[in-house]
PDB file of N, CA and C in Angstrom:
ATOM      1  N   UNK A   1      22.760  16.421  15.711  1.00  0.00           N
ATOM      2  CA  UNK A   1      22.378  15.978  14.269  1.00  0.00           C
ATOM      3  C   UNK A   1      21.769  14.509  14.629  1.00  0.00           C
ATOM      4  N   UNK A   2      20.506  14.154  13.951  1.00  0.00           N
ATOM      5  CA  UNK A   2      19.504  13.118  13.954  1.00  0.00           C
ATOM      6  C   UNK A   2      19.720  12.274  12.714  1.00  0.00           C
ATOM      7  N   UNK A   3      19.761  11.017  13.077  1.00  0.00           N
ATOM      8  CA  UNK A   3      19.635  10.439  11.949  1.00  0.00           C
ATOM      9  C   UNK A   3      18.495   9.262  11.706  1.00  0.00           C
ATOM     10  N   UNK A   4      18.409   8.552  10.680  1.00  0.00           N
ATOM     11  CA  UNK A   4      17.594   7.273  10.740  1.00  0.00           C
ATOM     12  C   UNK A   4      17.831   6.534  11.698  1.00  0.00           C
ATOM     13  N   UNK A   5      16.945   5.749  12.234  1.00  0.00           N
ATOM     14  CA  UNK A   5      17.384   4.443  13.241  1.00  0.00           C
ATOM     15  C   UNK A   5      18.598   3.453  12.722  1.00  0.00           C
ATOM     16  N   UNK A   6      18.308   3.117  11.373  1.00  0.00           N
ATOM     17  CA  UNK A   6      19.345   2.316  10.920  1.00  0.00           C
ATOM     18  C   UNK A   6      20.493   2.871  10.850  1.00  0.00           C
ATOM     19  N   UNK A   7      20.560   4.003  10.295  1.00  0.00           N
ATOM     20  CA  UNK A   7      21.969   4.816  10.243  1.00  0.00           C
ATOM     21  C   UNK A   7      22.648   5.145  11.514  1.00  0.00           C
ATOM     22  N   UNK A   8      21.640   5.177  12.704  1.00  0.00           N
ATOM     23  CA  UNK A   8      22.398   5.188  13.950  1.00  0.00           C
ATOM     24  C   UNK A   8      22.750   4.177  14.231  1.00  0.00           C
ATOM     25  N   UNK A   9      22.232   3.051  14.206  1.00  0.00           N
ATOM     26  CA  UNK A   9      22.351   1.731  14.285  1.00  0.00           C
ATOM     27  C   UNK A   9      23.891   1.423  13.840  1.00  0.00           C
ATOM     28  N   UNK A  10      23.994   1.727  12.404  1.00  0.00           N
ATOM     29  CA  UNK A  10      25.378   1.409  11.993  1.00  0.00           C
ATOM     30  C   UNK A  10      26.489   2.382  12.344  1.00  0.00           C
ATOM     31  N   UNK A  11      26.195   3.558  12.823  1.00  0.00           N
ATOM     32  CA  UNK A  11      27.252   4.338  13.507  1.00  0.00           C
ATOM     33  C   UNK A  11      27.645   3.698  14.835  1.00  0.00           C
ATOM     34  N   UNK A  12      26.618   3.372  15.571  1.00  0.00           N
ATOM     35  CA  UNK A  12      26.990   2.984  16.980  1.00  0.00           C
ATOM     36  C   UNK A  12      27.746   1.346  16.858  1.00  0.00           C
ATOM     37  N   UNK A  13      27.278   0.341  15.984  1.00  0.00           N
ATOM     38  CA  UNK A  13      27.818  -0.589  15.920  1.00  0.00           C
ATOM     39  C   UNK A  13      29.225  -0.655  15.275  1.00  0.00           C
ATOM     40  N   UNK A  14      29.473   0.515  14.172  1.00  0.00           N
ATOM     41  CA  UNK A  14      30.881   0.448  13.898  1.00  0.00           C
ATOM     42  C   UNK A  14      31.871   1.184  14.922  1.00  0.00           C
ATOM     43  N   UNK A  15      31.194   1.864  15.545  1.00  0.00           N
ATOM     44  CA  UNK A  15      32.109   2.404  16.929  1.00  0.00           C
ATOM     45  C   UNK A  15      32.375   1.534  18.152  1.00  0.00           C
ATOM     46  N   UNK A  16      31.133   0.609  18.229  1.00  0.00           N
ATOM     47  CA  UNK A  16      31.441  -0.255  19.355  1.00  0.00           C
ATOM     48  C   UNK A  16      32.352  -1.796  18.693  1.00  0.00           C
ATOM     49  N   UNK A  17      32.799  -1.690  17.643  1.00  0.00           N
ATOM     50  CA  UNK A  17      33.480  -3.149  17.170  1.00  0.00           C
ATOM     51  C   UNK A  17      32.963  -4.317  17.692  1.00  0.00           C
ATOM     52  N   UNK A  18      31.723  -4.638  18.092  1.00  0.00           N
ATOM     53  CA  UNK A  18      31.043  -5.619  18.529  1.00  0.00           C
ATOM     54  C   UNK A  18      29.547  -5.508  18.381  1.00  0.00           C
ATOM     55  N   UNK A  19      28.761  -6.822  18.320  1.00  0.00           N
ATOM     56  CA  UNK A  19      27.505  -6.916  18.304  1.00  0.00           C
ATOM     57  C   UNK A  19      26.856  -6.658  19.632  1.00  0.00           C
ATOM     58  N   UNK A  20      25.710  -5.585  19.425  1.00  0.00           N
ATOM     59  CA  UNK A  20      24.969  -5.250  20.567  1.00  0.00           C
ATOM     60  C   UNK A  20      23.470  -5.429  20.367  1.00  0.00           C
ATOM     61  N   UNK A  21      22.619  -5.715  21.599  1.00  0.00           N
ATOM     62  CA  UNK A  21      21.568  -5.769  21.505  1.00  0.00           C
ATOM     63  C   UNK A  21      20.529  -4.742  20.970  1.00  0.00           C
ATOM     64  N   UNK A  22      19.413  -4.679  20.391  1.00  0.00           N
ATOM     65  CA  UNK A  22      18.825  -3.685  19.982  1.00  0.00           C
ATOM     66  C   UNK A  22      18.536  -2.800  21.306  1.00  0.00           C
ATOM     67  N   UNK A  23      18.070  -2.870  22.232  1.00  0.00           N
ATOM     68  CA  UNK A  23      17.803  -2.151  23.326  1.00  0.00           C
ATOM     69  C   UNK A  23      18.789  -1.321  23.895  1.00  0.00           C
ATOM     70  N   UNK A  24      20.350  -1.945  23.783  1.00  0.00           N
ATOM     71  CA  UNK A  24      21.451  -1.123  23.983  1.00  0.00           C
ATOM     72  C   UNK A  24      21.792   0.064  22.843  1.00  0.00           C
ATOM     73  N   UNK A  25      21.643  -0.550  21.538  1.00  0.00           N
ATOM     74  CA  UNK A  25      21.488   0.655  20.341  1.00  0.00           C
ATOM     75  C   UNK A  25      20.644   1.741  20.763  1.00  0.00           C
ATOM     76  N   UNK A  26      19.362   1.362  20.962  1.00  0.00           N
ATOM     77  CA  UNK A  26      18.675   2.375  21.203  1.00  0.00           C
ATOM     78  C   UNK A  26      18.807   3.550  22.269  1.00  0.00           C
ATOM     79  N   UNK A  27      19.516   2.829  23.280  1.00  0.00           N
ATOM     80  CA  UNK A  27      19.847   3.429  24.600  1.00  0.00           C
ATOM     81  C   UNK A  27      20.677   4.352  24.437  1.00  0.00           C
ATOM     82  N   UNK A  28      21.770   3.780  23.528  1.00  0.00           N
ATOM     83  CA  UNK A  28      22.843   4.876  23.363  1.00  0.00           C
ATOM     84  C   UNK A  28      22.682   6.155  22.175  1.00  0.00           C
ATOM     85  N   UNK A  29      21.755   5.580  21.346  1.00  0.00           N
ATOM     86  CA  UNK A  29      21.415   6.377  20.369  1.00  0.00           C
ATOM     87  C   UNK A  29      20.446   7.806  20.883  1.00  0.00           C
ATOM     88  N   UNK A  30      19.638   7.087  21.738  1.00  0.00           N
ATOM     89  CA  UNK A  30      18.746   8.445  22.344  1.00  0.00           C
ATOM     90  C   UNK A  30      19.655   9.310  23.270  1.00  0.00           C
ATOM     91  N   UNK A  31      20.441   8.326  24.368  1.00  0.00           N
ATOM     92  CA  UNK A  31      21.692   9.177  24.995  1.00  0.00           C
ATOM     93  C   UNK A  31      22.500  10.190  24.026  1.00  0.00           C
ATOM     94  N   UNK A  32      23.013   9.779  22.952  1.00  0.00           N
ATOM     95  CA  UNK A  32      23.449  10.642  22.120  1.00  0.00           C
ATOM     96  C   UNK A  32      22.971  11.609  21.101  1.00  0.00           C
ATOM     97  N   UNK A  33      21.684  11.524  21.443  1.00  0.00           N
ATOM     98  CA  UNK A  33      20.374  12.497  20.634  1.00  0.00           C
ATOM     99  C   UNK A  33      20.940  12.115  19.034  1.00  0.00           C
ATOM    100  N   UNK A  34      20.998  10.991  19.025  1.00  0.00           N
ATOM    101  CA  UNK A  34      21.381  10.630  17.784  1.00  0.00           C
ATOM    102  C   UNK A  34      19.736  10.476  16.886  1.00  0.00           C
ATOM    103  N   UNK A  35      19.095   9.926  17.555  1.00  0.00           N
ATOM    104  CA  UNK A  35      17.665   9.594  16.988  1.00  0.00           C
ATOM    105  C   UNK A  35      16.289  10.264  17.803  1.00  0.00           C
ATOM    106  N   UNK A  36      15.397  10.534  17.373  1.00  0.00           N
ATOM    107  CA  UNK A  36      14.106  10.891  17.996  1.00  0.00           C
ATOM    108  C   UNK A  36      13.016   9.767  18.040  1.00  0.00           C
ATOM    109  N   UNK A  37      12.371   9.461  18.685  1.00  0.00           N
ATOM    110  CA  UNK A  37      11.100   8.674  18.633  1.00  0.00           C
ATOM    111  C   UNK A  37      10.101   9.227  19.753  1.00  0.00           C
ATOM    112  N   UNK A  38       9.149   8.802  19.236  1.00  0.00           N
ATOM    113  CA  UNK A  38       7.726   8.917  19.993  1.00  0.00           C
ATOM    114  C   UNK A  38       7.127   7.742  20.070  1.00  0.00           C
ATOM    115  N   UNK A  39       7.462   6.742  19.545  1.00  0.00           N
ATOM    116  CA  UNK A  39       7.017   5.388  19.797  1.00  0.00           C
ATOM    117  C   UNK A  39       7.105   4.397  21.120  1.00  0.00           C
ATOM    118  N   UNK A  40       6.672   3.566  21.707  1.00  0.00           N
ATOM    119  CA  UNK A  40       6.908   2.954  22.882  1.00  0.00           C
ATOM    120  C   UNK A  40       7.462   1.772  22.923  1.00  0.00           C
ATOM    121  N   UNK A  41       7.960   1.201  21.582  1.00  0.00           N
ATOM    122  CA  UNK A  41       8.871   0.130  21.262  1.00  0.00           C
ATOM    123  C   UNK A  41       9.699   0.427  20.339  1.00  0.00           C
ATOM    124  N   UNK A  42      10.677   1.240  20.639  1.00  0.00           N
ATOM    125  CA  UNK A  42      11.691   1.610  19.473  1.00  0.00           C
ATOM    126  C   UNK A  42      12.669   0.372  19.286  1.00  0.00           C
ATOM    127  N   UNK A  43      12.534  -0.247  20.228  1.00  0.00           N
ATOM    128  CA  UNK A  43      13.727  -1.365  20.127  1.00  0.00           C
ATOM    129  C   UNK A  43      13.061  -2.542  18.870  1.00  0.00           C
ATOM    130  N   UNK A  44      11.764  -2.679  19.079  1.00  0.00           N
ATOM    131  CA  UNK A  44      11.044  -3.693  18.071  1.00  0.00           C
ATOM    132  C   UNK A  44      11.053  -2.861  16.674  1.00  0.00           C
ATOM    133  N   UNK A  45      10.869  -1.754  16.608  1.00  0.00           N
ATOM    134  CA  UNK A  45      10.899  -0.972  15.392  1.00  0.00           C
ATOM    135  C   UNK A  45      12.287  -1.043  14.728  1.00  0.00           C
ATOM    136  N   UNK A  46      13.521  -0.995  15.542  1.00  0.00           N
ATOM    137  CA  UNK A  46      14.434  -0.976  15.149  1.00  0.00           C
ATOM    138  C   UNK A  46      14.842  -2.265  14.590  1.00  0.00           C
ATOM    139  N   UNK A  47      14.400  -3.433  15.036  1.00  0.00           N
ATOM    140  CA  UNK A  47      15.030  -4.521  14.913  1.00  0.00           C
ATOM    141  C   UNK A  47      14.223  -5.049  13.329  1.00  0.00           C
ATOM    142  N   UNK A  48      13.210  -4.650  13.345  1.00  0.00           N
ATOM    143  CA  UNK A  48      12.310  -4.679  11.773  1.00  0.00           C
ATOM    144  C   UNK A  48      12.835  -3.646  11.084  1.00  0.00           C
ATOM    145  N   UNK A  49      13.569  -2.504  11.347  1.00  0.00           N
ATOM    146  CA  UNK A  49      13.897  -1.659  10.207  1.00  0.00           C
ATOM    147  C   UNK A  49      15.490  -2.246   9.925  1.00  0.00           C
ATOM    148  N   UNK A  50      16.171  -2.774  10.543  1.00  0.00           N
ATOM    149  CA  UNK A  50      17.426  -3.893  10.088  1.00  0.00           C
ATOM    150  C   UNK A  50      17.143  -4.859   9.080  1.00  0.00           C
ATOM    151  N   UNK A  51      16.209  -5.690   9.765  1.00  0.00           N
ATOM    152  CA  UNK A  51      15.783  -6.827   8.655  1.00  0.00           C
ATOM    153  C   UNK A  51      15.230  -6.378   7.771  1.00  0.00           C
ATOM    154  N   UNK A  52      14.359  -5.213   7.544  1.00  0.00           N
ATOM    155  CA  UNK A  52      13.802  -4.936   6.417  1.00  0.00           C
ATOM    156  C   UNK A  52      14.782  -4.087   5.353  1.00  0.00           C
ATOM    157  N   UNK A  53      15.895  -3.512   5.786  1.00  0.00           N
ATOM    158  CA  UNK A  53      17.021  -2.828   5.172  1.00  0.00           C
ATOM    159  C   UNK A  53      17.620  -4.202   4.450  1.00  0.00           C
ATOM    160  N   UNK A  54      18.184  -5.007   5.284  1.00  0.00           N
ATOM    161  CA  UNK A  54      18.995  -6.295   4.770  1.00  0.00           C
ATOM    162  C   UNK A  54      18.117  -6.910   3.722  1.00  0.00           C
ATOM    163  N   UNK A  55      16.603  -7.072   3.662  1.00  0.00           N
ATOM    164  CA  UNK A  55      16.076  -7.583   2.616  1.00  0.00           C
ATOM    165  C   UNK A  55      15.910  -6.869   1.372  1.00  0.00           C
ATOM    166  N   UNK A  56      15.931  -5.412   1.635  1.00  0.00           N
ATOM    167  CA  UNK A  56      15.955  -4.524   0.552  1.00  0.00           C
ATOM    168  C   UNK A  56      17.243  -4.528  -0.267  1.00  0.00           C
ATOM    169  N   UNK A  57      18.254  -4.487   0.625  1.00  0.00           N
ATOM    170  CA  UNK A  57      19.707  -4.642  -0.055  1.00  0.00           C
ATOM    171  C   UNK A  57      20.001  -5.896  -0.988  1.00  0.00           C
ATOM    172  N   UNK A  58      19.816  -6.855  -0.112  1.00  0.00           N
ATOM    173  CA  UNK A  58      19.947  -8.451  -0.805  1.00  0.00           C
ATOM    174  C   UNK A  58      19.058  -8.238  -2.060  1.00  0.00           C
ATOM    175  N   UNK A  59      17.803  -7.794  -2.079  1.00  0.00           N
ATOM    176  CA  UNK A  59      17.145  -7.814  -3.438  1.00  0.00           C
ATOM    177  C   UNK A  59      17.507  -6.681  -4.775  1.00  0.00           C
ATOM    178  N   UNK A  60      18.587  -5.836  -4.419  1.00  0.00           N
ATOM    179  CA  UNK A  60      19.072  -4.990  -5.200  1.00  0.00           C
ATOM    180  C   UNK A  60      20.633  -5.496  -5.545  1.00  0.00           C
ATOM    181  N   UNK A  61      20.571  -6.678  -4.981  1.00  0.00           N
ATOM    182  CA  UNK A  61      22.029  -7.282  -5.105  1.00  0.00           C
ATOM    183  C   UNK A  61      23.270  -6.483  -4.388  1.00  0.00           C
ATOM    184  N   UNK A  62      22.846  -5.813  -3.326  1.00  0.00           N
ATOM    185  CA  UNK A  62      23.963  -5.173  -2.581  1.00  0.00           C
ATOM    186  C   UNK A  62      24.062  -5.629  -1.084  1.00  0.00           C
ATOM    187  N   UNK A  63      25.498  -6.083  -0.745  1.00  0.00           N
ATOM    188  CA  UNK A  63      25.696  -6.573   0.603  1.00  0.00           C
ATOM    189  C   UNK A  63      25.099  -6.142   1.615  1.00  0.00           C
ATOM    190  N   UNK A  64      24.228  -6.713   2.514  1.00  0.00           N
ATOM    191  CA  UNK A  64      23.629  -6.214   3.668  1.00  0.00           C
ATOM    192  C   UNK A  64      24.618  -5.763   4.569  1.00  0.00           C
ATOM    193  N   UNK A  65      24.191  -4.602   5.372  1.00  0.00           N
ATOM    194  CA  UNK A  65      25.414  -3.857   6.301  1.00  0.00           C
ATOM    195  C   UNK A  65      25.238  -4.616   7.609  1.00  0.00           C
ATOM    196  N   UNK A  66      23.731  -5.150   8.100  1.00  0.00           N
ATOM    197  CA  UNK A  66      23.666  -5.710   9.418  1.00  0.00           C
ATOM    198  C   UNK A  66      23.574  -7.185   9.252  1.00  0.00           C
ATOM    199  N   UNK A  67      24.102  -7.991  10.429  1.00  0.00           N
ATOM    200  CA  UNK A  67      23.774  -9.567  10.518  1.00  0.00           C
ATOM    201  C   UNK A  67      23.363  -9.705  11.825  1.00  0.00           C
ATOM    202  N   UNK A  68      22.276 -10.602  11.932  1.00  0.00           N
ATOM    203  CA  UNK A  68      21.790 -10.976  13.213  1.00  0.00           C
ATOM    204  C   UNK A  68      22.524 -12.118  13.729  1.00  0.00           C
ATOM    205  N   UNK A  69      22.890 -11.960  14.857  1.00  0.00           N
ATOM    206  CA  UNK A  69      23.888 -12.908  15.336  1.00  0.00           C
ATOM    207  C   UNK A  69      23.389 -13.616  16.717  1.00  0.00           C
ATOM    208  N   UNK A  70      22.147 -13.147  17.174  1.00  0.00           N
ATOM    209  CA  UNK A  70      21.569 -13.781  18.313  1.00  0.00           C
ATOM    210  C   UNK A  70      20.102 -12.935  18.434  1.00  0.00           C
ATOM    211  N   UNK A  71      19.231 -13.578  19.343  1.00  0.00           N
ATOM    212  CA  UNK A  71      17.996 -12.975  19.770  1.00  0.00           C
ATOM    213  C   UNK A  71      18.080 -11.537  20.121  1.00  0.00           C
ATOM    214  N   UNK A  72      17.826 -10.414  19.158  1.00  0.00           N
ATOM    215  CA  UNK A  72      17.695  -8.834  19.618  1.00  0.00           C
ATOM    216  C   UNK A  72      19.214  -8.678  19.157  1.00  0.00           C
ATOM    217  N   UNK A  73      20.196  -9.445  18.994  1.00  0.00           N
ATOM    218  CA  UNK A  73      21.664  -9.107  18.736  1.00  0.00           C
ATOM    219  C   UNK A  73      21.920  -9.014  17.037  1.00  0.00           C
ATOM    220  N   UNK A  74      22.437  -7.727  17.166  1.00  0.00           N
ATOM    221  CA  UNK A  74      23.014  -7.259  15.791  1.00  0.00           C
ATOM    222  C   UNK A  74      24.557  -6.940  15.662  1.00  0.00           C
ATOM    223  N   UNK A  75      24.802  -7.029  14.612  1.00  0.00           N
ATOM    224  CA  UNK A  75      26.054  -6.685  14.423  1.00  0.00           C
ATOM    225  C   UNK A  75      26.355  -6.382  12.849  1.00  0.00           C
ATOM    226  N   UNK A  76      27.533  -5.836  12.515  1.00  0.00           N
ATOM    227  CA  UNK A  76      27.835  -5.527  11.053  1.00  0.00           C
ATOM    228  C   UNK A  76      28.458  -6.602  10.560  1.00  0.00           C
ATOM    229  N   UNK A  77      28.454  -6.572   9.109  1.00  0.00           N
ATOM    230  CA  UNK A  77      28.604  -7.890   8.214  1.00  0.00           C
ATOM    231  C   UNK A  77      30.289  -7.516   8.262  1.00  0.00           C
ATOM    232  N   UNK A  78      30.955  -8.318   7.870  1.00  0.00           N
ATOM    233  CA  UNK A  78      32.445  -8.517   7.774  1.00  0.00           C
ATOM    234  C   UNK A  78      32.625  -8.023   6.255  1.00  0.00           C
TER     235      UNK A  78
END
Protein backbone atom coordinates (compact mmCIF):
# COMPACT_ATOMS: atom_id res chain seq x y z
CA UNK A 1 0.00 0.00 0.00
CA UNK A 2 1.33 3.43 -0.87
CA UNK A 3 0.81 6.56 1.22
CA UNK A 4 1.37 10.25 0.81
CA UNK A 5 4.85 11.27 1.94
CA UNK A 6 3.43 13.00 5.02
CA UNK A 7 1.32 10.00 6.03
CA UNK A 8 4.28 7.66 5.52
CA UNK A 9 6.45 10.01 7.62
CA UNK A 10 3.82 10.00 10.37
CA UNK A 11 3.66 6.20 10.46
CA UNK A 12 7.46 5.85 10.41
CA UNK A 13 8.00 8.44 13.16
CA UNK A 14 5.23 6.87 15.24
CA UNK A 15 6.87 3.45 15.05
CA UNK A 16 10.40 4.78 15.60
CA UNK A 17 9.33 6.72 18.74
CA UNK A 18 12.11 9.25 18.08
CA UNK A 19 12.84 12.08 15.63
CA UNK A 20 14.52 11.14 12.36
CA UNK A 21 16.29 12.98 9.56
CA UNK A 22 14.20 13.36 6.39
CA UNK A 23 16.72 11.26 4.43
CA UNK A 24 16.23 8.41 6.89
CA UNK A 25 12.43 8.73 6.69
CA UNK A 26 12.59 8.59 2.87
CA UNK A 27 14.98 5.62 2.95
CA UNK A 28 12.63 3.67 5.24
CA UNK A 29 9.53 4.65 3.25
CA UNK A 30 11.09 3.59 -0.05
CA UNK A 31 12.46 0.39 1.49
CA UNK A 32 9.02 -0.56 2.77
CA UNK A 33 7.42 0.56 -0.50
CA UNK A 34 5.22 3.01 1.41
CA UNK A 35 5.78 5.76 -1.18
CA UNK A 36 6.62 6.08 -4.84
CA UNK A 37 8.74 8.91 -6.11
CA UNK A 38 10.23 9.94 -9.41
CA UNK A 39 11.82 13.13 -8.10
CA UNK A 40 15.54 13.60 -7.64
CA UNK A 41 15.25 15.19 -4.19
CA UNK A 42 12.50 13.40 -2.25
CA UNK A 43 14.10 14.50 1.04
CA UNK A 44 13.63 18.17 0.15
CA UNK A 45 10.08 17.51 -1.00
CA UNK A 46 9.26 15.75 2.26
CA UNK A 47 10.70 18.58 4.37
CA UNK A 48 8.56 21.11 2.50
CA UNK A 49 5.48 18.86 2.71
CA UNK A 50 5.86 18.54 6.49
CA UNK A 51 6.26 22.29 6.87
CA UNK A 52 3.24 23.01 4.67
CA UNK A 53 1.07 20.48 6.50
CA UNK A 54 1.95 22.14 9.82
CA UNK A 55 1.07 25.58 8.45
CA UNK A 56 -2.21 24.30 6.99
CA UNK A 57 -3.22 22.64 10.25
CA UNK A 58 -2.30 25.71 12.32
CA UNK A 59 -4.40 27.88 10.00
CA UNK A 60 -7.34 25.52 10.57
CA UNK A 61 -6.83 25.63 14.33
CA UNK A 62 -5.69 22.00 14.43
CA UNK A 63 -2.60 20.91 16.35
CA UNK A 64 0.28 20.08 13.97
CA UNK A 65 1.42 16.44 13.87
CA UNK A 66 5.09 17.20 13.19
CA UNK A 67 7.77 19.32 14.81
CA UNK A 68 11.16 20.27 13.46
CA UNK A 69 13.76 19.47 16.12
CA UNK A 70 16.93 20.17 14.15
CA UNK A 71 18.26 20.76 10.64
CA UNK A 72 16.31 18.24 8.53
CA UNK A 73 15.23 16.36 11.66
CA UNK A 74 11.55 15.93 12.36
CA UNK A 75 9.58 14.29 15.12
CA UNK A 76 5.97 14.02 16.22
CA UNK A 77 4.37 16.58 18.48
CA UNK A 78 3.63 15.34 21.98
